[in-house]
């Protein structure tokens, strides 16, 4: 919403979904628009026919987090994945 407010146009959502395929279904039948990561535009359950995809400007960024369950024993795969993700951090 903050990103949209930069353009002075803050929509008032009528519905919210937490599933990209559900969002794509609503858009596919002409009932809305959406902003999703490009990764979610690949093949899924819902065909992307009659849908126009455009990049957004200025580019939108989001923060992500790595969450580990306290007391859970780590495996080598989890340790390697965590290390790889943490190596991508940007210095602030």
N, C-alpha and C. Protein backbone atom coordinates (compact mmCIF):
# COMPACT_ATOMS: atom_id res chain seq x y z
N UNK A 1 0.82 -1.19 0.00
CA UNK A 1 0.00 0.00 0.00
C UNK A 1 0.87 1.26 0.00
N UNK A 2 2.00 1.20 0.74
CA UNK A 2 2.90 2.34 0.76
C UNK A 2 3.45 2.62 -0.64
N UNK A 3 3.78 1.57 -1.38
CA UNK A 3 4.31 1.72 -2.73
C UNK A 3 3.26 2.37 -3.62
N UNK A 4 2.03 1.91 -3.54
CA UNK A 4 0.96 2.49 -4.35
C UNK A 4 0.68 3.94 -3.97
N UNK A 5 0.84 4.25 -2.69
CA UNK A 5 0.60 5.61 -2.22
C UNK A 5 1.59 6.60 -2.83
N UNK A 6 2.77 6.13 -3.23
CA UNK A 6 3.75 7.02 -3.87
C UNK A 6 3.18 7.64 -5.13
N UNK A 7 2.29 6.94 -5.80
CA UNK A 7 1.65 7.47 -7.00
C UNK A 7 0.37 8.22 -6.68
N UNK A 8 0.03 8.28 -5.40
CA UNK A 8 -1.17 8.99 -4.98
C UNK A 8 -2.45 8.21 -5.21
N UNK A 9 -2.33 6.92 -5.50
CA UNK A 9 -3.52 6.12 -5.80
C UNK A 9 -3.53 4.89 -4.92
N UNK A 10 -4.23 4.97 -3.80
CA UNK A 10 -4.29 3.83 -2.89
C UNK A 10 -5.64 3.14 -3.06
N UNK A 11 -5.63 1.93 -3.63
CA UNK A 11 -6.90 1.23 -3.83
C UNK A 11 -7.50 0.76 -2.51
N UNK A 12 -8.78 0.56 -2.53
CA UNK A 12 -9.47 0.00 -1.36
C UNK A 12 -9.89 -1.42 -1.73
N UNK A 13 -9.10 -2.41 -1.29
CA UNK A 13 -9.40 -3.80 -1.66
C UNK A 13 -10.77 -4.25 -1.17
N UNK A 14 -11.45 -5.00 -2.02
CA UNK A 14 -12.73 -5.57 -1.66
C UNK A 14 -12.52 -6.98 -1.12
N UNK A 15 -11.51 -7.66 -1.67
CA UNK A 15 -11.16 -9.02 -1.24
C UNK A 15 -9.64 -9.12 -1.10
N UNK A 16 -9.19 -10.01 -0.25
CA UNK A 16 -7.77 -10.32 -0.12
C UNK A 16 -7.61 -11.83 -0.14
N UNK A 17 -6.55 -12.29 -0.78
CA UNK A 17 -6.26 -13.71 -0.89
C UNK A 17 -4.83 -13.96 -0.41
N UNK A 18 -4.59 -15.16 0.09
CA UNK A 18 -3.23 -15.52 0.48
C UNK A 18 -2.68 -16.63 -0.42
N UNK A 19 -3.33 -16.85 -1.55
CA UNK A 19 -2.93 -17.91 -2.46
C UNK A 19 -2.85 -17.32 -3.87
N UNK A 20 -1.67 -17.42 -4.49
CA UNK A 20 -1.47 -16.82 -5.81
C UNK A 20 -2.40 -17.42 -6.85
N UNK A 21 -2.64 -18.72 -6.79
CA UNK A 21 -3.53 -19.34 -7.78
C UNK A 21 -4.95 -18.81 -7.64
N UNK A 22 -5.40 -18.54 -6.42
CA UNK A 22 -6.72 -17.95 -6.23
C UNK A 22 -6.76 -16.55 -6.81
N UNK A 23 -5.70 -15.79 -6.59
CA UNK A 23 -5.61 -14.44 -7.15
C UNK A 23 -5.66 -14.50 -8.67
N UNK A 24 -4.90 -15.42 -9.26
CA UNK A 24 -4.88 -15.56 -10.71
C UNK A 24 -6.27 -15.95 -11.23
N UNK A 25 -7.01 -16.74 -10.50
CA UNK A 25 -8.37 -17.12 -10.90
C UNK A 25 -9.28 -15.91 -10.97
N UNK A 26 -9.20 -15.04 -9.96
CA UNK A 26 -10.04 -13.84 -9.92
C UNK A 26 -9.70 -12.93 -11.10
N UNK A 27 -8.41 -12.77 -11.38
CA UNK A 27 -7.99 -11.92 -12.49
C UNK A 27 -8.39 -12.55 -13.82
N UNK A 28 -8.28 -13.86 -13.94
CA UNK A 28 -8.59 -14.55 -15.20
C UNK A 28 -10.04 -14.36 -15.62
N UNK A 29 -10.95 -14.17 -14.66
CA UNK A 29 -12.35 -13.95 -15.01
C UNK A 29 -12.71 -12.47 -15.04
N UNK A 30 -11.69 -11.61 -14.94
CA UNK A 30 -11.91 -10.17 -15.10
C UNK A 30 -12.37 -9.43 -13.87
N UNK A 31 -12.13 -9.99 -12.69
CA UNK A 31 -12.61 -9.34 -11.47
C UNK A 31 -11.55 -8.61 -10.67
N UNK A 32 -10.38 -8.37 -11.26
CA UNK A 32 -9.39 -7.64 -10.49
C UNK A 32 -8.05 -7.55 -11.17
N UNK A 33 -7.12 -6.95 -10.45
CA UNK A 33 -5.73 -6.82 -10.86
C UNK A 33 -4.87 -7.21 -9.69
N UNK A 34 -3.61 -7.54 -9.98
CA UNK A 34 -2.75 -7.96 -8.88
C UNK A 34 -1.30 -7.65 -9.15
N UNK A 35 -0.53 -7.56 -8.08
CA UNK A 35 0.91 -7.41 -8.14
C UNK A 35 1.49 -8.62 -7.42
N UNK A 36 2.25 -9.42 -8.14
CA UNK A 36 2.86 -10.62 -7.57
C UNK A 36 4.29 -10.73 -8.08
N UNK A 37 5.13 -11.51 -7.40
CA UNK A 37 6.48 -11.74 -7.91
C UNK A 37 6.42 -12.46 -9.26
N UNK A 38 7.36 -12.14 -10.14
CA UNK A 38 7.39 -12.75 -11.47
C UNK A 38 7.43 -14.27 -11.41
N UNK A 39 8.04 -14.81 -10.38
CA UNK A 39 8.14 -16.25 -10.23
C UNK A 39 6.76 -16.92 -10.21
N UNK A 40 5.77 -16.24 -9.70
CA UNK A 40 4.43 -16.83 -9.60
C UNK A 40 3.66 -16.78 -10.92
N UNK A 41 4.25 -16.23 -11.95
CA UNK A 41 3.56 -16.13 -13.23
C UNK A 41 3.82 -17.33 -14.13
N UNK A 42 4.59 -18.28 -13.66
CA UNK A 42 4.86 -19.48 -14.45
C UNK A 42 3.65 -20.37 -14.51
N UNK A 43 3.84 -21.54 -15.07
CA UNK A 43 2.73 -22.49 -15.18
C UNK A 43 2.22 -22.85 -13.79
N UNK A 44 0.94 -22.86 -13.69
CA UNK A 44 0.28 -23.21 -12.43
C UNK A 44 -1.02 -23.89 -12.79
N UNK A 45 -1.95 -23.84 -11.90
CA UNK A 45 -3.25 -24.45 -12.14
C UNK A 45 -4.13 -23.57 -13.02
N UNK A 46 -3.88 -22.27 -12.99
CA UNK A 46 -4.71 -21.31 -13.71
C UNK A 46 -3.96 -20.82 -14.94
N UNK A 47 -4.60 -20.91 -16.11
CA UNK A 47 -4.00 -20.42 -17.35
C UNK A 47 -3.94 -18.90 -17.30
N UNK A 48 -2.87 -18.34 -17.83
CA UNK A 48 -2.69 -16.90 -17.83
C UNK A 48 -3.19 -16.27 -19.13
N UNK A 49 -4.15 -16.91 -19.79
CA UNK A 49 -4.71 -16.34 -21.01
C UNK A 49 -5.54 -15.11 -20.66
N UNK A 50 -5.68 -14.22 -21.60
CA UNK A 50 -6.41 -12.97 -21.39
C UNK A 50 -5.83 -12.13 -20.26
N UNK A 51 -4.55 -12.31 -19.97
CA UNK A 51 -3.90 -11.58 -18.90
C UNK A 51 -2.72 -10.83 -19.49
N UNK A 52 -2.59 -9.57 -19.15
CA UNK A 52 -1.46 -8.76 -19.60
C UNK A 52 -0.50 -8.61 -18.43
N UNK A 53 0.77 -8.91 -18.67
CA UNK A 53 1.79 -8.81 -17.63
C UNK A 53 2.69 -7.63 -17.97
N UNK A 54 2.85 -6.74 -17.00
CA UNK A 54 3.70 -5.57 -17.20
C UNK A 54 4.60 -5.40 -15.98
N UNK A 55 5.85 -4.98 -16.22
CA UNK A 55 6.72 -4.68 -15.08
C UNK A 55 6.25 -3.41 -14.38
N UNK A 56 6.49 -3.31 -13.10
CA UNK A 56 6.08 -2.12 -12.38
C UNK A 56 7.28 -1.22 -12.13
N UNK A 57 7.04 0.08 -12.18
CA UNK A 57 8.09 1.07 -11.94
C UNK A 57 7.53 2.13 -11.01
N UNK A 58 8.24 2.56 -10.00
CA UNK A 58 9.57 2.07 -9.66
C UNK A 58 9.48 0.63 -9.14
N UNK A 59 10.59 -0.05 -9.28
CA UNK A 59 10.66 -1.44 -8.87
C UNK A 59 10.29 -1.58 -7.39
N UNK A 60 9.55 -2.61 -7.09
CA UNK A 60 9.08 -2.84 -5.73
C UNK A 60 10.01 -3.82 -5.03
N UNK A 61 10.35 -3.54 -3.79
CA UNK A 61 11.22 -4.43 -3.01
C UNK A 61 10.48 -4.86 -1.75
N UNK A 62 10.86 -5.99 -1.21
CA UNK A 62 10.26 -6.44 0.04
C UNK A 62 11.33 -7.11 0.89
N UNK A 63 11.11 -7.11 2.18
CA UNK A 63 12.03 -7.76 3.09
C UNK A 63 11.55 -9.18 3.33
N UNK A 64 12.49 -10.09 3.46
CA UNK A 64 12.16 -11.46 3.81
C UNK A 64 12.95 -11.84 5.05
N UNK A 65 12.55 -12.91 5.68
CA UNK A 65 13.21 -13.33 6.91
C UNK A 65 13.47 -14.83 6.88
N UNK A 66 14.48 -15.24 7.59
CA UNK A 66 14.79 -16.65 7.77
C UNK A 66 14.39 -17.00 9.20
N UNK A 67 13.50 -17.95 9.34
CA UNK A 67 12.98 -18.32 10.65
C UNK A 67 13.40 -19.75 10.96
N UNK A 68 13.96 -19.94 12.15
CA UNK A 68 14.37 -21.28 12.57
C UNK A 68 13.67 -21.61 13.88
N UNK A 69 13.15 -22.81 13.97
CA UNK A 69 12.45 -23.25 15.17
C UNK A 69 13.46 -23.52 16.28
N UNK A 70 13.27 -22.85 17.41
CA UNK A 70 14.17 -23.01 18.54
C UNK A 70 14.12 -24.45 19.06
N UNK A 71 15.26 -25.02 19.34
CA UNK A 71 15.32 -26.36 19.89
C UNK A 71 15.25 -27.46 18.84
N UNK A 72 15.04 -27.12 17.61
CA UNK A 72 14.96 -28.12 16.52
C UNK A 72 16.37 -28.41 16.04
N UNK A 73 16.70 -29.69 15.96
CA UNK A 73 18.02 -30.09 15.50
C UNK A 73 18.15 -29.78 14.01
N UNK A 74 19.27 -29.16 13.64
CA UNK A 74 19.49 -28.77 12.26
C UNK A 74 20.14 -29.91 11.47
N UNK A 75 19.74 -30.04 10.22
CA UNK A 75 20.37 -31.03 9.33
C UNK A 75 21.42 -30.32 8.49
N UNK A 76 22.23 -31.07 7.80
CA UNK A 76 23.25 -30.47 6.94
C UNK A 76 22.59 -29.63 5.84
N UNK A 77 21.49 -30.13 5.28
CA UNK A 77 20.78 -29.41 4.21
C UNK A 77 20.25 -28.07 4.72
N UNK A 78 19.67 -28.07 5.92
CA UNK A 78 19.15 -26.83 6.49
C UNK A 78 20.28 -25.86 6.78
N UNK A 79 21.40 -26.35 7.30
CA UNK A 79 22.54 -25.49 7.59
C UNK A 79 23.11 -24.87 6.32
N UNK A 80 23.22 -25.67 5.26
CA UNK A 80 23.74 -25.16 3.99
C UNK A 80 22.79 -24.12 3.39
N UNK A 81 21.51 -24.40 3.45
CA UNK A 81 20.52 -23.47 2.90
C UNK A 81 20.53 -22.16 3.69
N UNK A 82 20.57 -22.26 5.01
CA UNK A 82 20.62 -21.06 5.86
C UNK A 82 21.85 -20.23 5.55
N UNK A 83 23.00 -20.89 5.45
CA UNK A 83 24.25 -20.18 5.15
C UNK A 83 24.17 -19.49 3.79
N UNK A 84 23.61 -20.18 2.81
CA UNK A 84 23.49 -19.59 1.47
C UNK A 84 22.58 -18.36 1.50
N UNK A 85 21.45 -18.46 2.18
CA UNK A 85 20.53 -17.33 2.27
C UNK A 85 21.15 -16.16 3.02
N UNK A 86 21.83 -16.46 4.10
CA UNK A 86 22.45 -15.39 4.88
C UNK A 86 23.59 -14.72 4.12
N UNK A 87 24.22 -15.44 3.21
CA UNK A 87 25.29 -14.84 2.42
C UNK A 87 24.76 -13.81 1.42
N UNK A 88 23.46 -13.83 1.17
CA UNK A 88 22.85 -12.89 0.23
C UNK A 88 22.44 -11.57 0.89
N UNK A 89 22.61 -11.48 2.21
CA UNK A 89 22.22 -10.27 2.92
C UNK A 89 22.98 -9.07 2.40
N UNK A 90 22.30 -7.95 2.38
CA UNK A 90 22.94 -6.68 2.01
C UNK A 90 23.34 -5.97 3.29
N UNK A 91 24.47 -5.35 3.27
CA UNK A 91 24.91 -4.57 4.43
C UNK A 91 24.10 -3.29 4.51
N UNK A 92 23.76 -2.90 5.72
CA UNK A 92 22.99 -1.65 5.91
C UNK A 92 23.82 -0.64 6.61
